[in-house]
Amino acid sequence: MKYLLIPVGFLLSCFSFALPAYCQTKTSVQPNDSIYTYVEQMPEPGVDITAYLNNHLRYPDSAADHNIQGRVILKFIVNEDGSLSDCKVEKGIGGGCDKAALDVLKNMPKWKAGIHNGKPVKVLTMLPVTFTLSEKKKAPRPIYTTIDQPPYPEYSVSNYFRDNFQCKESFDDGVVRFVVNEDGSISDPSIISGVDAGCRYEVYRVLKSMPHWKPGRQSGQPARTYSSIRIRYVRLTGDVVVESI
């Protein structure tokens, strides 16, 4: 995998580091305090951005697992002292890439401020960061069935099902297996036994919507782990009860 910085000049032909060609507009925020998008001397990063991203930006595991690639466009202000503020994601791709890029931007060293009429000014700047996997598809990481520290929810799964399960049909008691990922998210649910077809989709839906679990750990590191629950329908009350296995 690699991180690729696209020169800002390629973004709508409005920006460039080497040969500034910024959009020629100016937005007034308040008297004597304007934010420019075009100035005589454009702001410049204080570091080699490509090297900085390679050293500090981490490709999110969830994005790599789902082959999420693409360009995250960041928007921010370079202030008169070169500090960065109002950092936002203008366009994202999901999978944790947006937050990863934004966090690195917020911690980036000061830039060289833009100059207009001989004075440093605030300049609105946009920075595209492209996430690209070096392989077409990353080899999947192992999924453990036994692990040093098993994953667990920090809430009542039974209560969550009771409050969110919407299938009103009765069904035979069943066992459901799923994966708890390194970030605690739930994926890949499958019915091992029971649960009639009419309610299977609802079981999958509720499982995938559950808040994150505390992930399992193997050799001190978060790891993907299989986990299972037993789910049963109480015909007398119409409630769904979930038990850990």
Protein backbone atom coordinates (compact mmCIF):
# COMPACT_ATOMS: atom_id res chain seq x y z
CA MET A 1 0.00 0.00 0.00
CA LYS A 2 1.10 3.57 -0.46
CA TYR A 3 -0.05 7.11 0.08
CA LEU A 4 -0.01 9.42 -2.89
CA LEU A 5 -0.17 13.19 -2.66
CA ILE A 6 -1.76 14.69 -5.75
CA PRO A 7 -0.39 18.18 -6.51
CA VAL A 8 -3.06 20.71 -5.69
CA GLY A 9 -2.75 22.10 -9.20
CA PHE A 10 -4.67 19.06 -10.41
CA LEU A 11 -7.65 19.93 -8.25
CA LEU A 12 -10.08 21.86 -10.47
CA SER A 13 -7.02 23.69 -11.89
CA CYS A 14 -7.22 26.05 -8.94
CA PHE A 15 -4.17 25.23 -6.86
CA SER A 16 -0.52 24.31 -7.28
CA PHE A 17 2.51 24.21 -5.03
CA ALA A 18 5.20 24.83 -7.62
CA LEU A 19 3.35 27.21 -9.91
CA PRO A 20 0.50 28.84 -7.96
CA ALA A 21 -2.68 29.12 -9.95
CA TYR A 22 -5.20 29.47 -7.16
CA CYS A 23 -8.84 30.39 -7.69
CA GLN A 24 -8.95 34.16 -7.82
CA THR A 25 -11.57 34.96 -5.22
CA LYS A 26 -11.59 36.51 -1.78
CA THR A 27 -14.05 35.92 1.03
CA SER A 28 -14.41 38.57 3.72
CA VAL A 29 -15.06 37.17 7.18
CA GLN A 30 -15.10 40.40 9.15
CA PRO A 31 -13.55 43.87 8.74
CA ASN A 32 -9.75 43.76 8.53
CA ASP A 33 -9.76 39.98 8.65
CA SER A 34 -10.18 38.36 5.23
CA ILE A 35 -9.54 34.84 4.01
CA TYR A 36 -8.03 34.71 0.54
CA THR A 37 -7.93 31.90 -1.98
CA TYR A 38 -5.52 33.74 -4.26
CA VAL A 39 -2.56 35.87 -3.14
CA GLU A 40 0.66 37.13 -4.67
CA GLN A 41 2.75 34.54 -2.85
CA MET A 42 0.89 31.36 -2.04
CA PRO A 43 1.46 29.47 1.23
CA GLU A 44 3.87 26.55 1.10
CA PRO A 45 4.14 23.49 3.32
CA GLY A 46 6.96 23.54 5.82
CA VAL A 47 7.84 19.91 5.10
CA ASP A 48 7.99 17.53 2.17
CA ILE A 49 4.33 16.52 2.30
CA THR A 50 4.76 13.22 0.45
CA ALA A 51 7.48 12.12 2.86
CA TYR A 52 5.49 13.43 5.81
CA LEU A 53 2.41 11.42 4.83
CA ASN A 54 4.45 8.28 4.21
CA ASN A 55 5.91 8.59 7.72
CA HIS A 56 2.77 9.59 9.61
CA LEU A 57 -0.32 8.45 7.72
CA ARG A 58 -1.59 4.92 8.36
CA TYR A 59 -3.86 3.13 5.92
CA PRO A 60 -6.92 2.19 8.03
CA ASP A 61 -7.37 -1.56 8.40
CA SER A 62 -11.09 -1.37 7.62
CA ALA A 63 -10.38 0.47 4.36
CA ALA A 64 -7.69 -2.00 3.33
CA ASP A 65 -9.91 -4.99 4.17
CA HIS A 66 -12.70 -3.65 1.97
CA ASN A 67 -10.36 -2.46 -0.81
CA ILE A 68 -11.38 1.17 -0.26
CA GLN A 69 -9.17 3.47 -2.32
CA GLY A 70 -9.52 7.00 -3.62
CA ARG A 71 -8.91 10.67 -2.96
CA VAL A 72 -9.70 12.51 0.25
CA ILE A 73 -9.87 16.27 -0.26
CA LEU A 74 -8.99 18.37 2.77
CA LYS A 75 -9.81 22.06 3.20
CA PHE A 76 -8.11 24.32 5.73
CA ILE A 77 -6.80 27.82 6.40
CA VAL A 78 -3.13 28.71 6.51
CA ASN A 79 -2.96 31.59 9.00
CA GLU A 80 -0.61 34.57 9.04
CA ASP A 81 1.80 32.72 11.34
CA GLY A 82 1.72 29.56 9.18
CA SER A 83 -0.46 27.59 11.59
CA LEU A 84 -3.37 25.58 10.21
CA SER A 85 -6.97 26.01 11.32
CA ASP A 86 -10.54 25.12 10.32
CA CYS A 87 -9.34 21.76 8.98
CA LYS A 88 -12.21 19.90 7.33
CA VAL A 89 -12.89 17.05 4.93
CA GLU A 90 -14.27 18.59 1.73
CA LYS A 91 -14.76 15.19 0.08
CA GLY A 92 -14.22 11.79 1.65
CA ILE A 93 -14.11 8.12 0.74
CA GLY A 94 -15.00 6.51 4.07
CA GLY A 95 -13.46 3.43 5.63
CA GLY A 96 -11.62 5.56 8.17
CA CYS A 97 -9.51 7.28 5.48
CA ASP A 98 -11.16 10.68 6.01
CA LYS A 99 -10.34 10.76 9.72
CA ALA A 100 -6.82 9.40 9.17
CA ALA A 101 -6.00 12.15 6.65
CA LEU A 102 -7.60 14.87 8.76
CA ASP A 103 -5.76 13.84 11.94
CA VAL A 104 -2.40 13.96 10.16
CA LEU A 105 -3.20 17.37 8.68
CA LYS A 106 -4.09 18.79 12.11
CA ASN A 107 -0.70 17.69 13.46
CA MET A 108 1.31 18.92 10.48
CA PRO A 109 4.11 21.47 11.17
CA LYS A 110 3.47 25.09 10.33
CA TRP A 111 3.44 26.19 6.70
CA LYS A 112 5.08 29.22 5.17
CA ALA A 113 2.31 31.83 5.22
CA GLY A 114 0.85 33.36 2.09
CA ILE A 115 1.82 36.98 1.31
CA HIS A 116 -0.47 39.65 -0.13
CA ASN A 117 0.48 43.30 -0.56
CA GLY A 118 3.67 42.53 1.31
CA LYS A 119 1.92 41.16 4.41
CA PRO A 120 1.10 37.64 5.65
CA VAL A 121 -2.59 36.83 5.24
CA LYS A 122 -4.99 33.97 5.83
CA VAL A 123 -5.32 31.71 2.79
CA LEU A 124 -7.93 29.03 2.19
CA THR A 125 -6.13 25.93 0.91
CA MET A 126 -7.22 22.52 -0.36
CA LEU A 127 -5.09 19.40 -0.21
CA PRO A 128 -5.99 16.11 -1.93
CA VAL A 129 -4.53 12.92 -0.44
CA THR A 130 -4.97 9.71 -2.41
CA PHE A 131 -5.08 6.34 -0.67
CA THR A 132 -3.86 3.55 -2.93
CA LEU A 133 -3.27 -0.11 -2.10
CA SER A 134 -0.10 -1.51 -3.59
CA GLU A 135 -1.93 -4.78 -4.31
CA LYS A 136 -5.26 -5.14 -6.06
CA LYS A 137 -6.57 -6.83 -2.97
CA LYS A 138 -4.79 -7.08 0.33
CA ALA A 139 -4.34 -10.59 1.67
CA PRO A 140 -6.89 -11.10 4.46
CA ARG A 141 -5.59 -11.19 8.01
CA PRO A 142 -6.32 -14.31 10.07
CA ILE A 143 -9.53 -14.69 12.03
CA TYR A 144 -8.97 -16.37 15.39
CA THR A 145 -11.33 -18.87 17.00
CA THR A 146 -9.30 -19.05 20.20
CA ILE A 147 -7.45 -15.99 21.42
CA ASP A 148 -5.53 -14.66 24.42
CA GLN A 149 -8.22 -12.11 25.30
CA PRO A 150 -11.63 -12.79 23.72
CA PRO A 151 -13.74 -9.84 22.51
CA TYR A 152 -16.73 -8.73 24.54
CA PRO A 153 -19.48 -6.08 24.40
CA GLU A 154 -19.49 -3.25 26.93
CA TYR A 155 -23.30 -3.24 26.89
CA SER A 156 -26.16 -5.75 26.99
CA VAL A 157 -26.50 -7.41 23.59
CA SER A 158 -29.81 -8.90 24.71
CA ASN A 159 -31.20 -5.45 25.54
CA TYR A 160 -29.93 -4.11 22.21
CA PHE A 161 -31.77 -6.86 20.33
CA ARG A 162 -34.90 -6.31 22.40
CA ASP A 163 -34.94 -2.60 21.54
CA ASN A 164 -34.02 -2.92 17.85
CA PHE A 165 -35.27 -6.30 16.58
CA GLN A 166 -38.29 -5.70 14.35
CA CYS A 167 -39.21 -9.11 12.96
CA LYS A 168 -42.54 -10.18 14.52
CA GLU A 169 -42.46 -13.78 13.29
CA SER A 170 -41.64 -16.58 15.70
CA PHE A 171 -38.54 -18.66 14.97
CA ASP A 172 -36.64 -21.65 16.30
CA ASP A 173 -33.77 -20.96 18.68
CA GLY A 174 -30.54 -20.46 16.78
CA VAL A 175 -26.83 -19.84 16.94
CA VAL A 176 -25.24 -16.95 15.07
CA ARG A 177 -21.52 -16.55 14.41
CA PHE A 178 -19.84 -13.28 13.40
CA VAL A 179 -16.47 -11.57 13.31
CA VAL A 180 -15.37 -8.93 15.79
CA ASN A 181 -12.78 -6.84 13.93
CA GLU A 182 -9.70 -5.12 15.34
CA ASP A 183 -11.65 -1.87 15.77
CA GLY A 184 -14.51 -3.69 17.53
CA SER A 185 -16.92 -3.49 14.59
CA ILE A 186 -19.11 -6.48 13.72
CA SER A 187 -19.01 -8.13 10.29
CA ASP A 188 -19.64 -11.38 8.40
CA PRO A 189 -22.61 -12.71 10.43
CA SER A 190 -23.81 -16.19 9.57
CA ILE A 191 -26.58 -18.42 10.93
CA ILE A 192 -25.10 -21.66 12.24
CA SER A 193 -28.41 -23.20 13.26
CA GLY A 194 -32.06 -22.28 13.81
CA VAL A 195 -33.65 -18.88 13.07
CA ASP A 196 -36.23 -19.39 10.33
CA ALA A 197 -35.71 -17.65 7.00
CA GLY A 198 -38.29 -14.94 7.71
CA CYS A 199 -36.17 -13.38 10.47
CA ARG A 200 -32.65 -14.09 9.27
CA TYR A 201 -32.25 -10.77 7.48
CA GLU A 202 -33.33 -8.95 10.65
CA VAL A 203 -30.76 -10.85 12.72
CA TYR A 204 -28.06 -9.80 10.26
CA ARG A 205 -29.24 -6.20 10.25
CA VAL A 206 -29.26 -5.82 14.02
CA LEU A 207 -25.89 -7.53 14.41
CA LYS A 208 -24.22 -5.24 11.89
CA SER A 209 -25.76 -2.16 13.51
CA MET A 210 -24.55 -3.00 17.02
CA PRO A 211 -22.15 -0.59 18.73
CA HIS A 212 -18.53 -1.69 18.64
CA TRP A 213 -17.31 -4.37 21.00
CA LYS A 214 -14.10 -4.41 22.94
CA PRO A 215 -11.88 -6.20 20.40
CA GLY A 216 -10.03 -9.40 21.17
CA ARG A 217 -6.27 -9.31 21.60
CA GLN A 218 -3.61 -11.77 20.52
CA SER A 219 0.00 -11.31 21.67
CA GLY A 220 -1.01 -7.89 22.99
CA GLN A 221 -2.42 -6.68 19.66
CA PRO A 222 -6.06 -6.26 18.51
CA ALA A 223 -7.08 -9.19 16.34
CA ARG A 224 -10.05 -10.35 14.29
CA THR A 225 -11.98 -12.98 16.21
CA TYR A 226 -14.98 -15.23 15.67
CA SER A 227 -17.68 -14.87 18.30
CA SER A 228 -21.07 -16.52 18.68
CA ILE A 229 -24.38 -15.86 20.38
CA ARG A 230 -27.48 -17.95 20.97
CA ILE A 231 -30.71 -16.19 20.03
CA ARG A 232 -34.15 -17.39 20.98
CA TYR A 233 -37.70 -16.18 20.53
CA VAL A 234 -39.93 -16.13 23.62
CA ARG A 235 -43.37 -16.99 22.26
CA LEU A 236 -45.20 -15.98 25.42
CA THR A 237 -44.00 -12.35 25.29
CA GLY A 238 -42.74 -12.01 21.72
CA ASP A 239 -39.34 -10.89 23.00
CA VAL A 240 -35.97 -11.90 21.64
CA VAL A 241 -33.38 -13.09 24.15
CA VAL A 242 -29.69 -13.28 23.35
CA GLU A 243 -27.10 -15.28 25.29
CA SER A 244 -23.34 -15.41 24.81
CA ILE A 245 -21.73 -18.75 24.04
